[in-house]
Amino acid sequence: MLSVLVTGASGQLGRSIQKLQGDYPDIGFHFKNSIDLDISNENAVAEVFANNKFDYCINCAAYTNVEMAEKEPQKAFLVNSHGAANIARECEANGTILIHISTDYVFDGEKGEPYTILDKTNPINVYGASKLEGEVNVSALMKRLFIVRTSWLYSEFGKNFYKTILAKAQNGEPLSITNAQTGCPTHAENLAKYILSLITSGNTHYGLKHFTDGVEHTWYSFAIEILKKNSLFEKTEIQKVKNYRTFARRPVYSVLESER
C-alpha cells in the first residue's frame, strides 16, 4: 500500500481528496491540517517525516488570501515559499515524491492566450510572487516532483466564488460582478482526481503541469453559469461591471493550457 501525506487537509483540495479516499483502497492517506502541521515550522515538518515513511506528499498547504497577502506579505512568503521549502527538503531526504500545488497567478496576464508550462512567469501581486518563490525553492531542492498549477478553485467546501454567488442569489441579493478578468474555474474534486492519477499511474514525467477544467470564463460569465445551473438566473438581478476595485492587482487573462 502506498503511503501519502496530504498537507493543508482542511482546504478545498485537501477536503476533496478526503472525500475521494474511499475510491483508492491501495493508498493509505495521512491528512494534516494547519493545526496538525504548520509547514512553516521546519522542526514540525522534520518530525512528521521522522515518524512516518511516505511514498508521496501532496502539498495543499498554502496562504491563499490574495487581498490580505498585500498587507501581510511576510505571512504569505512564510507559508508559500519557506514552508514549501521545508516540505521539499524532507521529501528529498526521505525519498518521497512531492506533488506541490501552485497557481495561475504566477503569470502577469498580459499574454492574451493560454499560458503553457514554457511561458515566462511574472507575478503582479504578493500572493503570486510567494507561490512562484515556492516553485523555485522546491525545484532547487528536489529531483522527483510535480508542480501542478491550477486556477479559480471551487467546491462544496470552504469559501469560494461559487458558494458566495449561490448564497447571495438564494438570499435574493442583487449581484455586481466584474468581467475584467478571464480564467478557468476548476472544481477541486477534478483537480484531486488528476493529482491522484499521477500517483496511481506511477507517472515519472516529473516537472511542471497545468490542470484546469478547461473552459474560459470571466467572473461575470461564471456567475451566469452558476445561476443557470441552480435555476436562479431568472430570479436574480445581476449587473456586469468593468472596474471592480481590489487591493491586490489581478492578472487580466490567466488561462492555463491544461493537460485535461
Protein backbone atom coordinates (compact mmCIF):
# COMPACT_ATOMS: atom_id res chain seq x y z
CA MET A 1 0.00 0.00 0.00
CA LEU A 2 1.24 3.46 -0.91
CA SER A 3 1.57 5.98 1.92
CA VAL A 4 0.55 9.54 1.02
CA LEU A 5 0.89 12.64 3.18
CA VAL A 6 -1.62 15.41 2.42
CA THR A 7 -0.82 18.80 3.95
CA GLY A 8 -3.36 21.61 4.13
CA ALA A 9 -6.04 18.97 4.54
CA SER A 10 -8.75 21.38 5.69
CA GLY A 11 -8.70 23.42 2.47
CA GLN A 12 -10.84 22.84 -0.61
CA LEU A 13 -8.41 20.48 -2.32
CA GLY A 14 -7.47 18.62 0.86
CA ARG A 15 -11.12 18.04 1.73
CA SER A 16 -11.86 16.93 -1.83
CA ILE A 17 -9.09 14.34 -1.57
CA GLN A 18 -10.56 13.18 1.75
CA LYS A 19 -13.95 12.81 0.07
CA LEU A 20 -12.39 10.56 -2.59
CA GLN A 21 -10.18 8.43 -0.36
CA GLY A 22 -12.63 5.52 -0.30
CA ASP A 23 -12.13 5.13 -4.06
CA TYR A 24 -8.42 4.46 -3.53
CA PRO A 25 -8.13 1.41 -1.23
CA ASP A 26 -4.48 0.90 -2.19
CA ILE A 27 -3.47 4.28 -0.77
CA GLY A 28 -3.01 4.98 2.92
CA PHE A 29 -3.68 8.69 3.39
CA HIS A 30 -2.24 10.79 6.21
CA PHE A 31 -4.16 14.07 6.36
CA LYS A 32 -2.62 17.02 8.19
CA ASN A 33 -4.32 20.39 8.53
CA SER A 34 -2.54 23.59 9.55
CA ILE A 35 -3.10 22.83 13.23
CA ASP A 36 -1.71 19.31 12.92
CA LEU A 37 1.24 20.51 10.83
CA ASP A 38 2.44 24.07 10.33
CA ILE A 39 4.65 23.67 7.27
CA SER A 40 6.46 26.91 8.06
CA ASN A 41 7.82 25.19 11.19
CA GLU A 42 10.91 23.31 9.99
CA ASN A 43 11.15 21.14 13.11
CA ALA A 44 7.48 20.14 12.95
CA VAL A 45 7.85 19.07 9.34
CA ALA A 46 11.00 17.09 10.12
CA GLU A 47 9.24 15.32 13.00
CA VAL A 48 6.33 14.18 10.82
CA PHE A 49 8.73 12.70 8.28
CA ALA A 50 10.88 11.11 11.00
CA ASN A 51 7.86 9.26 12.36
CA ASN A 52 6.46 8.08 9.02
CA LYS A 53 7.58 6.71 5.68
CA PHE A 54 5.72 8.46 2.85
CA ASP A 55 5.81 7.48 -0.80
CA TYR A 56 4.17 10.75 -1.85
CA CYS A 57 3.39 14.12 -0.33
CA ILE A 58 0.59 16.27 -1.79
CA ASN A 59 1.32 19.78 -0.55
CA CYS A 60 -2.03 21.57 -0.49
CA ALA A 61 -0.97 23.86 2.36
CA ALA A 62 -0.87 27.50 1.27
CA TYR A 63 -1.62 31.07 2.21
CA THR A 64 -4.34 31.86 -0.35
CA ASN A 65 -5.89 35.18 0.70
CA VAL A 66 -4.84 37.32 -2.25
CA GLU A 67 -6.04 40.59 -0.72
CA MET A 68 -4.52 40.06 2.74
CA ALA A 69 -1.20 38.96 1.23
CA GLU A 70 -0.65 42.56 0.12
CA LYS A 71 -0.98 43.71 3.72
CA GLU A 72 0.98 40.88 5.36
CA PRO A 73 3.48 39.67 2.75
CA GLN A 74 5.73 38.05 5.36
CA LYS A 75 2.97 35.58 6.27
CA ALA A 76 2.35 34.72 2.62
CA PHE A 77 6.04 34.06 1.95
CA LEU A 78 6.46 32.17 5.23
CA VAL A 79 3.95 29.53 4.13
CA ASN A 80 4.09 29.62 0.33
CA SER A 81 7.87 29.89 0.00
CA HIS A 82 9.63 28.91 3.23
CA GLY A 83 7.01 26.28 4.11
CA ALA A 84 7.18 24.74 0.65
CA ALA A 85 10.97 24.52 1.00
CA ASN A 86 10.61 22.74 4.35
CA ILE A 87 8.36 20.12 2.77
CA ALA A 88 10.62 19.67 -0.26
CA ARG A 89 13.74 19.30 1.86
CA GLU A 90 12.22 16.47 3.89
CA CYS A 91 10.73 14.81 0.81
CA GLU A 92 14.13 14.76 -0.88
CA ALA A 93 15.87 13.45 2.24
CA ASN A 94 13.32 10.66 2.68
CA GLY A 95 12.79 9.56 -0.92
CA THR A 96 9.25 10.97 -1.04
CA ILE A 97 7.80 12.19 -4.34
CA LEU A 98 6.30 15.67 -3.95
CA ILE A 99 3.18 16.96 -5.68
CA HIS A 100 3.20 20.70 -5.00
CA ILE A 101 0.17 22.84 -5.85
CA SER A 102 0.67 26.24 -7.44
CA THR A 103 -1.37 28.88 -9.25
CA ASP A 104 -2.15 30.79 -12.43
CA TYR A 105 -1.21 33.96 -10.53
CA VAL A 106 2.48 33.33 -11.23
CA PHE A 107 1.70 34.99 -14.60
CA ASP A 108 1.02 38.68 -15.27
CA GLY A 109 -2.00 38.10 -17.54
CA GLU A 110 -0.59 40.11 -20.46
CA LYS A 111 -0.13 37.25 -22.94
CA GLY A 112 -3.73 37.20 -24.16
CA GLU A 113 -3.76 33.47 -24.87
CA PRO A 114 -3.46 30.36 -22.67
CA TYR A 115 -0.21 30.05 -20.73
CA THR A 116 1.91 26.96 -21.26
CA ILE A 117 4.45 25.48 -18.87
CA LEU A 118 7.17 27.07 -21.03
CA ASP A 119 5.92 30.64 -20.65
CA LYS A 120 7.83 33.19 -18.60
CA THR A 121 6.40 33.91 -15.17
CA ASN A 122 5.88 37.45 -13.90
CA PRO A 123 3.56 37.73 -10.89
CA ILE A 124 1.93 41.11 -10.25
CA ASN A 125 0.82 40.60 -6.64
CA VAL A 126 2.31 39.29 -3.41
CA TYR A 127 0.35 36.03 -3.47
CA GLY A 128 1.63 35.18 -6.95
CA ALA A 129 5.19 36.16 -6.04
CA SER A 130 5.13 33.99 -2.92
CA LYS A 131 3.81 31.00 -4.85
CA LEU A 132 6.42 31.46 -7.58
CA GLU A 133 9.21 31.58 -5.00
CA GLY A 134 7.78 28.35 -3.58
CA GLU A 135 8.03 26.76 -7.04
CA VAL A 136 11.64 27.89 -7.36
CA ASN A 137 12.51 26.55 -3.91
CA VAL A 138 11.03 23.09 -4.38
CA SER A 139 12.57 22.78 -7.84
CA ALA A 140 16.00 23.61 -6.47
CA LEU A 141 15.71 21.09 -3.64
CA MET A 142 14.21 18.08 -5.42
CA LYS A 143 14.58 15.80 -8.40
CA ARG A 144 11.33 13.80 -8.23
CA LEU A 145 8.47 16.26 -8.00
CA PHE A 146 5.42 17.57 -9.78
CA ILE A 147 4.39 21.22 -9.62
CA VAL A 148 0.72 21.44 -10.56
CA ARG A 149 -0.59 24.90 -11.39
CA THR A 150 -4.34 25.36 -11.30
CA SER A 151 -6.84 28.22 -11.22
CA TRP A 152 -10.08 29.55 -9.74
CA LEU A 153 -10.81 26.58 -7.48
CA TYR A 154 -14.32 25.98 -6.23
CA SER A 155 -16.08 23.14 -4.40
CA GLU A 156 -18.71 22.44 -1.78
CA PHE A 157 -16.04 23.09 0.85
CA GLY A 158 -14.85 26.32 2.44
CA LYS A 159 -15.22 29.77 0.95
CA ASN A 160 -15.17 30.22 -2.80
CA PHE A 161 -16.79 32.23 -5.58
CA TYR A 162 -19.33 29.54 -6.49
CA LYS A 163 -20.68 29.26 -2.95
CA THR A 164 -20.71 33.03 -2.46
CA ILE A 165 -22.72 33.67 -5.65
CA LEU A 166 -25.12 30.85 -4.84
CA ALA A 167 -25.74 32.09 -1.29
CA LYS A 168 -26.32 35.69 -2.38
CA ALA A 169 -28.73 34.62 -5.13
CA GLN A 170 -30.64 32.33 -2.79
CA ASN A 171 -31.00 35.28 -0.40
CA GLY A 172 -32.35 37.46 -3.19
CA GLU A 173 -29.38 39.84 -3.19
CA PRO A 174 -28.52 41.77 -6.38
CA LEU A 175 -25.12 40.93 -7.86
CA SER A 176 -22.45 43.18 -9.39
CA ILE A 177 -19.76 41.01 -10.99
CA THR A 178 -16.67 42.02 -12.95
CA ASN A 179 -15.92 40.87 -16.47
CA ALA A 180 -12.42 42.35 -16.36
CA GLN A 181 -10.65 39.06 -15.57
CA THR A 182 -10.63 35.81 -17.52
CA GLY A 183 -9.54 32.42 -16.22
CA CYS A 184 -10.61 28.79 -15.94
CA PRO A 185 -12.81 27.81 -12.99
CA THR A 186 -11.73 24.41 -11.72
CA HIS A 187 -13.68 22.06 -9.49
CA ALA A 188 -11.40 20.92 -6.67
CA GLU A 189 -12.62 17.34 -6.98
CA ASN A 190 -11.49 17.20 -10.62
CA LEU A 191 -8.09 18.50 -9.58
CA ALA A 192 -7.96 15.91 -6.80
CA LYS A 193 -8.68 13.12 -9.29
CA TYR A 194 -5.94 14.38 -11.59
CA ILE A 195 -3.41 14.51 -8.76
CA LEU A 196 -4.33 11.03 -7.60
CA SER A 197 -3.98 9.77 -11.17
CA LEU A 198 -0.35 10.91 -11.12
CA ILE A 199 0.11 8.58 -8.14
CA THR A 200 -1.89 5.56 -9.28
CA SER A 201 -0.39 5.60 -12.78
CA GLY A 202 3.15 5.75 -11.42
CA ASN A 203 3.80 8.77 -13.64
CA THR A 204 7.50 9.63 -13.75
CA HIS A 205 7.28 12.60 -16.13
CA TYR A 206 8.18 14.98 -13.35
CA GLY A 207 8.10 18.76 -13.55
CA LEU A 208 5.53 21.46 -14.25
CA LYS A 209 1.93 20.58 -15.04
CA HIS A 210 -1.11 22.76 -15.73
CA PHE A 211 -4.55 21.49 -14.80
CA THR A 212 -7.91 23.26 -15.04
CA ASP A 213 -11.40 22.32 -16.16
CA GLY A 214 -10.51 23.90 -19.49
CA VAL A 215 -13.42 26.33 -20.02
CA GLU A 216 -12.61 30.05 -20.12
CA HIS A 217 -14.83 32.39 -18.11
CA THR A 218 -14.88 35.89 -16.78
CA TRP A 219 -16.14 36.11 -13.22
CA TYR A 220 -19.36 37.53 -14.70
CA SER A 221 -19.91 34.67 -17.17
CA PHE A 222 -19.06 32.14 -14.47
CA ALA A 223 -21.67 33.74 -12.20
CA ILE A 224 -24.23 33.41 -15.00
CA GLU A 225 -23.43 29.70 -15.32
CA ILE A 226 -23.79 29.22 -11.56
CA LEU A 227 -27.19 30.92 -11.56
CA LYS A 228 -28.44 28.93 -14.55
CA LYS A 229 -27.26 25.62 -13.14
CA ASN A 230 -29.15 26.30 -9.93
CA SER A 231 -32.31 27.65 -11.65
CA LEU A 232 -31.72 31.12 -10.19
CA PHE A 233 -30.91 33.16 -13.29
CA GLU A 234 -34.45 34.44 -13.91
CA LYS A 235 -34.85 35.31 -10.24
CA THR A 236 -31.59 37.20 -9.75
CA GLU A 237 -30.65 40.77 -10.59
CA ILE A 238 -27.11 40.68 -11.96
CA GLN A 239 -25.05 43.56 -13.28
CA LYS A 240 -21.82 43.40 -15.27
CA VAL A 241 -19.12 45.80 -14.08
CA LYS A 242 -15.79 46.50 -15.72
CA ASN A 243 -13.91 48.12 -12.86
CA TYR A 244 -14.12 46.21 -9.59
CA ARG A 245 -11.62 47.71 -7.18
CA THR A 246 -9.39 45.33 -5.26
CA PHE A 247 -6.33 45.99 -3.14
CA ALA A 248 -4.26 43.40 -5.00
CA ARG A 249 -3.66 43.62 -8.73
CA ARG A 250 -5.08 40.65 -10.63
CA PRO A 251 -3.95 39.22 -13.98
CA VAL A 252 -6.45 40.17 -16.67
CA TYR A 253 -6.09 36.88 -18.55
CA SER A 254 -4.69 33.93 -16.60
CA VAL A 255 -5.99 30.96 -18.58
CA LEU A 256 -3.70 27.93 -18.34
CA GLU A 257 -3.19 25.49 -21.21
CA SER A 258 -4.32 22.39 -19.33
CA GLU A 259 -3.43 18.72 -19.53
CA ARG A 260 -7.13 17.94 -19.06
